Protein backbone atom coordinates (compact mmCIF):
# COMPACT_ATOMS: atom_id res chain seq x y z
CA MET A 1 0.00 0.67 -0.22
CA LYS A 2 1.43 3.27 -1.01
CA PRO A 3 1.57 5.88 2.58
CA ARG A 4 0.32 9.69 2.19
CA ILE A 5 2.52 11.64 3.54
CA GLU A 6 1.66 15.25 5.21
CA ALA A 7 5.16 17.59 5.35
CA PHE A 8 5.00 20.85 7.62
CA TYR A 9 7.90 22.73 7.46
CA HIS A 10 8.99 24.54 10.67
CA GLU A 11 10.50 27.75 9.60
CA ASN A 12 12.67 28.80 13.20
CA THR A 13 14.47 25.42 13.06
CA SER A 14 14.49 24.93 9.72
CA THR A 15 12.74 21.13 10.45
CA ILE A 16 10.42 19.50 8.20
CA SER A 17 8.04 16.91 10.49
CA TYR A 18 5.69 14.45 8.82
CA VAL A 19 2.45 12.77 9.37
CA VAL A 20 2.54 9.36 7.75
CA TYR A 21 -0.89 8.03 6.99
CA ASP A 22 -2.81 4.84 5.27
CA GLN A 23 -5.97 6.67 4.34
CA SER A 24 -9.20 9.78 6.22
CA GLY A 25 -10.42 7.56 9.25
CA GLY A 26 -7.10 5.10 8.73
CA HIS A 27 -3.79 5.02 10.89
CA ALA A 28 0.00 7.31 10.91
CA ALA A 29 2.75 7.65 12.24
CA VAL A 30 4.25 11.80 13.14
CA ILE A 31 8.08 11.75 12.56
CA ASP A 32 10.36 14.29 14.28
CA SER A 33 7.96 16.53 16.06
CA VAL A 34 9.16 19.77 17.10
CA LEU A 35 8.04 22.24 20.10
CA ASP A 36 8.21 26.09 19.73
CA PHE A 37 10.42 27.67 21.89
CA SER A 38 12.48 30.88 22.62
CA ALA A 39 15.80 30.84 23.45
CA ASN A 40 15.75 34.35 24.68
CA SER A 41 13.03 33.80 26.78
CA GLY A 42 12.63 31.03 27.60
CA LYS A 43 8.74 30.60 26.46
CA VAL A 44 7.64 27.18 24.91
CA TRP A 45 4.40 26.71 23.52
CA THR A 46 2.87 24.02 20.76
CA ALA A 47 1.47 25.93 17.49
CA PHE A 48 3.11 23.94 15.41
CA ALA A 49 2.44 20.63 16.70
CA ASP A 50 -1.03 21.73 17.28
CA LYS A 51 -0.98 22.18 13.30
CA GLN A 52 -0.49 18.88 13.22
CA LEU A 53 -3.01 17.53 15.58
CA ALA A 54 -5.25 19.61 14.08
CA PHE A 55 -4.56 18.23 10.40
CA ILE A 56 -4.66 14.61 12.04
CA ARG A 57 -8.57 15.11 13.62
CA ASP A 58 -9.24 17.09 10.17
CA HIS A 59 -8.58 13.40 8.89
CA GLN A 60 -9.85 11.34 11.28
CA LEU A 61 -6.75 9.47 12.10
CA THR A 62 -5.52 6.95 14.80
CA VAL A 63 -1.47 7.53 15.33
CA ASP A 64 0.34 4.58 16.51
CA TRP A 65 3.20 5.96 16.89
CA ILE A 66 5.31 9.39 17.33
CA LEU A 67 9.22 8.31 16.12
CA GLU A 68 12.33 10.49 16.28
CA THR A 69 15.09 8.94 14.34
CA HIS A 70 17.05 11.19 17.34
CA ALA A 71 17.85 12.95 20.16
CA HIS A 72 18.11 16.48 17.91
CA ALA A 73 20.20 18.80 19.09
CA ASP A 74 18.78 21.65 16.93
CA HIS A 75 15.27 21.80 18.32
CA LEU A 76 13.11 20.57 21.07
CA SER A 77 10.49 17.48 20.63
CA ALA A 78 6.72 17.35 21.00
CA ALA A 79 6.23 13.68 21.10
CA HIS A 80 5.52 14.01 25.20
CA TYR A 81 2.83 16.77 24.11
CA LEU A 82 1.51 14.48 21.39
CA ARG A 83 1.67 11.50 23.31
CA GLN A 84 -0.83 13.43 25.79
CA GLN A 85 -3.29 14.35 23.28
CA LEU A 86 -3.09 11.62 21.16
CA ASN A 87 -2.20 8.23 23.38
CA SER A 88 0.23 7.04 21.11
CA LYS A 89 3.46 5.33 21.34
CA ILE A 90 6.80 6.96 21.07
CA GLY A 91 9.41 5.15 19.23
CA VAL A 92 13.29 5.97 18.89
CA GLY A 93 16.18 3.94 18.57
CA ALA A 94 17.93 1.83 20.60
CA GLY A 95 20.95 3.18 20.33
CA ILE A 96 19.62 6.54 22.68
CA THR A 97 20.89 4.60 25.89
CA LYS A 98 24.30 5.50 24.71
CA VAL A 99 23.13 9.04 23.89
CA GLN A 100 21.11 9.11 27.65
CA LYS A 101 24.61 8.40 29.16
CA THR A 102 26.72 10.79 27.65
CA PHE A 103 24.57 14.30 28.17
CA LYS A 104 23.67 12.56 31.90
CA LEU A 105 27.17 13.17 32.76
CA VAL A 106 27.69 16.41 30.65
CA PHE A 107 24.58 18.14 32.42
CA ASN A 108 24.85 16.17 35.96
CA ILE A 109 21.74 14.65 35.62
CA ASP A 110 20.88 12.14 38.16
CA ASP A 111 19.21 8.64 37.96
CA ALA A 112 16.42 9.70 40.02
CA GLU A 113 15.32 12.31 37.88
CA LEU A 114 16.75 10.13 34.43
CA SER A 115 17.98 6.81 33.84
CA ALA A 116 19.74 6.26 31.05
CA ASN A 117 17.59 3.14 30.06
CA GLY A 118 15.13 4.19 27.81
CA GLU A 119 12.36 4.02 29.72
CA VAL A 120 10.93 7.44 28.91
CA PHE A 121 10.19 6.59 25.56
CA ASP A 122 7.58 3.48 25.12
CA HIS A 123 9.41 1.74 22.61
CA LEU A 124 12.91 1.14 21.70
CA PHE A 125 13.35 -0.25 18.20
CA GLN A 126 16.60 -2.39 16.86
CA ASP A 127 18.20 -3.31 13.50
CA ASN A 128 15.98 -4.05 10.74
CA GLU A 129 13.30 -4.61 13.06
CA THR A 130 9.50 -4.29 11.16
CA PHE A 131 6.56 -2.37 12.79
CA GLN A 132 3.01 -1.61 11.47
CA ILE A 133 0.43 1.87 10.82
CA GLY A 134 -2.14 0.22 10.53
CA PRO A 135 -2.06 -1.57 7.16
CA LEU A 136 1.51 -0.05 5.94
CA GLN A 137 4.50 -2.06 7.08
CA GLY A 138 7.79 -0.08 8.46
CA GLN A 139 11.36 -1.07 8.86
CA ILE A 140 14.00 0.11 11.12
CA LEU A 141 17.34 0.65 9.46
CA ALA A 142 20.29 1.66 11.87
CA THR A 143 22.06 4.37 10.49
CA PRO A 144 24.20 5.89 12.92
CA GLY A 145 27.87 8.40 12.40
CA HIS A 146 25.62 11.66 12.90
CA THR A 147 25.07 9.83 16.83
CA ASN A 148 24.47 6.43 18.10
CA ASP A 149 20.83 6.40 17.51
CA SER A 150 20.39 7.47 14.83
CA VAL A 151 17.94 5.22 12.49
CA THR A 152 15.64 5.66 9.35
CA TYR A 153 12.17 4.63 8.74
CA LEU A 154 11.71 2.56 5.76
CA ILE A 155 7.77 3.16 4.82
CA GLU A 156 6.96 1.39 1.87
CA GLY A 157 9.15 2.61 -0.51
CA ASN A 158 9.71 5.57 1.65
CA ALA A 159 12.72 6.48 4.00
CA PHE A 160 12.78 8.94 6.89
CA VAL A 161 16.74 9.61 6.90
CA GLY A 162 16.60 12.29 9.91
CA ASP A 163 19.39 14.15 9.81
CA THR A 164 21.81 11.24 7.94
CA LEU A 165 21.31 13.25 4.84
CA PHE A 166 20.56 16.32 3.58
CA MET A 167 19.15 17.02 -0.17
CA PRO A 168 21.90 15.99 -2.42
CA ASP A 169 23.07 19.86 -2.36
CA GLY A 170 23.37 19.94 1.15
CA GLY A 171 25.43 16.83 1.29
CA THR A 172 25.40 15.06 4.75
CA ALA A 173 25.28 15.33 8.74
CA ARG A 174 27.61 16.36 11.19
CA CYS A 175 30.18 13.63 12.70
CA ASP A 176 31.39 15.75 15.59
CA PHE A 177 29.14 15.42 18.65
CA PRO A 178 29.41 12.63 21.47
CA GLY A 179 29.11 9.19 19.91
CA GLY A 180 29.38 10.46 15.74
CA ASP A 181 31.86 9.00 13.30
CA ALA A 182 32.27 9.92 9.90
CA GLY A 183 33.49 6.39 8.80
CA VAL A 184 30.46 5.04 10.37
CA LEU A 185 28.36 7.73 8.88
CA PHE A 186 29.91 6.60 5.54
CA ASP A 187 28.40 3.12 6.35
CA SER A 188 25.08 4.10 6.51
CA VAL A 189 24.21 6.81 3.78
CA ASN A 190 26.36 3.62 1.98
CA ARG A 191 23.31 1.31 2.86
CA LEU A 192 20.88 4.23 2.02
CA HIS A 193 22.40 4.06 -0.99
CA HIS A 194 21.91 0.56 -1.33
CA LEU A 195 17.88 0.49 -1.52
CA PRO A 196 15.78 0.46 -4.74
CA PRO A 197 17.15 3.46 -6.36
CA ASP A 198 13.15 4.72 -6.83
CA THR A 199 13.16 4.74 -3.39
CA ARG A 200 12.19 8.41 -1.77
CA LEU A 201 14.39 9.95 0.89
CA TRP A 202 12.45 12.26 3.07
CA MET A 203 14.63 15.10 4.70
CA CYS A 204 14.45 16.18 8.48
CA HIS A 205 15.95 19.76 7.45
CA ASP A 206 16.67 21.70 4.41
CA TYR A 207 18.69 24.87 4.99
CA GLN A 208 18.05 26.01 1.62
CA PRO A 209 21.60 26.58 0.27
CA GLY A 210 22.37 29.04 -2.23
CA GLY A 211 18.76 30.44 -1.12
CA ARG A 212 16.86 28.01 -3.23
CA GLU A 213 13.33 26.83 -2.89
CA LEU A 214 12.70 24.69 0.13
CA ALA A 215 13.11 20.85 -0.94
CA TYR A 216 12.97 17.78 1.47
CA VAL A 217 12.40 14.76 -0.56
CA THR A 218 15.17 13.46 -3.33
CA THR A 219 15.23 9.57 -4.50
CA VAL A 220 18.31 7.36 -3.62
CA ALA A 221 19.23 7.28 -7.41
CA GLU A 222 19.77 11.40 -7.26
CA SER A 223 20.96 11.04 -3.94
CA ALA A 224 23.94 8.85 -4.87
CA ARG A 225 24.76 10.06 -8.38
CA SER A 226 24.61 13.74 -6.65
CA ASN A 227 25.31 14.12 -2.91
CA ILE A 228 27.82 16.61 -2.76
CA HIS A 229 29.94 14.69 0.42
CA LEU A 230 28.87 11.36 -0.80
CA HIS A 231 28.37 9.65 -4.06
CA GLU A 232 28.92 7.37 -5.79
CA GLY A 233 33.06 6.95 -6.38
CA ILE A 234 33.87 8.80 -3.23
CA ALA A 235 36.63 6.46 -1.21
CA ARG A 236 35.45 5.80 2.71
CA GLY A 237 38.66 7.75 3.47
CA ASP A 238 38.09 10.61 1.18
CA PHE A 239 35.17 11.26 3.00
CA ILE A 240 36.38 10.76 6.16
CA THR A 241 38.61 13.53 5.45
CA VAL A 242 36.36 16.07 3.93
CA ARG A 243 33.66 15.57 6.61
CA GLU A 244 36.08 15.83 9.79
CA ASN A 245 37.50 19.24 8.05
CA ARG A 246 34.38 20.75 7.92
CA ASP A 247 32.80 19.27 11.17
CA LYS A 248 35.54 22.13 12.49
CA THR A 249 34.58 24.93 10.68
CA LEU A 250 31.10 24.49 12.20
CA ASP A 251 29.26 26.41 15.25
CA VAL A 252 27.49 24.41 17.48
CA PRO A 253 23.69 24.52 17.22
CA GLN A 254 22.22 26.85 18.61
CA LEU A 255 19.08 25.15 20.16
CA LEU A 256 21.82 22.15 21.38
CA TYR A 257 21.40 22.30 24.97
CA PRO A 258 17.86 23.12 25.49
CA SER A 259 17.19 20.38 22.86
CA VAL A 260 18.95 17.89 24.09
CA GLN A 261 18.14 17.85 27.67
CA VAL A 262 14.41 18.07 26.64
CA ASN A 263 15.10 15.39 23.84
CA ILE A 264 16.57 12.43 25.80
CA ARG A 265 13.58 12.75 28.39
CA GLY A 266 11.26 11.73 24.79
CA GLY A 267 10.10 15.76 25.25
CA GLN A 268 9.77 15.81 28.95
CA MET A 269 10.71 19.31 30.19
CA PRO A 270 13.17 19.27 33.13
CA ALA A 271 11.58 18.29 36.71
CA ALA A 272 9.99 21.24 38.03
CA GLU A 273 12.65 22.41 41.61
CA THR A 274 10.83 24.21 44.68
CA SER A 275 9.99 27.47 42.43
CA GLN A 276 7.83 24.99 40.63
CA THR A 277 9.59 26.44 37.80
CA ALA A 278 11.69 23.69 35.44
CA TYR A 279 14.91 24.93 34.68
CA LEU A 280 18.13 23.88 31.86
CA LYS A 281 21.27 24.15 32.06
CA ILE A 282 24.53 25.87 30.26
CA PRO A 283 27.41 23.47 30.84
CA LEU A 284 30.00 26.29 31.05
CA SER A 285 33.45 26.68 29.14
CA LEU A 286 35.55 28.52 31.53
CA SER A 287 38.92 30.00 30.52
CA SER A 288 42.27 28.40 32.63
CA SER A 289 42.44 31.67 34.17
CA TYR A 290 38.80 31.89 35.61
CA VAL A 291 38.91 31.80 40.11
CA SER A 292 35.47 31.23 41.47
CA PRO A 293 33.81 33.70 44.08
CA ASP A 294 35.11 31.31 46.60
CA ASN A 295 39.15 30.97 45.33
CA SER A 296 38.70 27.98 43.45
CA LYS A 297 39.27 26.79 40.13
CA LEU A 298 35.78 25.97 38.68
CA LYS A 299 36.21 22.80 35.91
CA SER A 300 34.71 23.57 32.47
CA GLU A 301 32.58 21.45 30.83
CA LYS A 302 32.89 20.86 26.91
CA GLY A 303 29.19 20.17 25.43
CA GLY A 304 29.29 18.51 21.95
CA SER A 305 26.79 19.32 19.67
CA SER A 306 24.12 17.68 16.64
CA SER A 307 23.22 18.57 13.41
């Protein structure tokens, strides 16, 4: 059965989220949802997710899954909010436990608030596992390299690739975050490029290189032929060199720290403190000469990045 796919573009983060469904009155999944967030004010709201909810209700869809391709570092996930509204299951790749373990240390999150076993999600997908969206058949392809937990959702000839790939003129994902590896990404992209040539690849982001119009779907054949970073004939070692050199020039994503803290919790905010207000942490990178008010040297944390 050919799925129907509705794309929703979140302009502030250049993110594309999808509702994939069989038919009106049928079954659906939401892939890579987004919460609205202002880093300047700390305001969080749900206007974008509510547009998806309106579409779901207008089409009388039963949402079986809220799917995350990985714990994003450039936008906050609306997965928890959508689960509250839809009573759906949140699914993510099993590698999320590695990501949780890494960032629990970065943000000094204790076990009482978050365990690194993925239990805040409803299901941890293993490589090659299959799942259903009503009559639609889905398969999990583990595609790490950008992050440990990156997966692609292959649904009836459509591959939702997360940040692993961009449109051919955008290249591939960065690999300088904790758990990232350019060689592993090369293998993951090649796995995607060996899918049937007419498989459609749906992007999670489009940064519109050169100011072109928004674009978020291509084919395996076109990506394998034209991707500026990894196309047919590129040797593994050459790609690693290009990718790692490029990563050295990239700045940390603006929403890295807020996003990761929320997304490793499945879209939930950190626990409220005694003031009944939740807080997000920013690990500081201090110069070696900085002395704290009590005249002691403070340890500096170096954070990773994500998209």
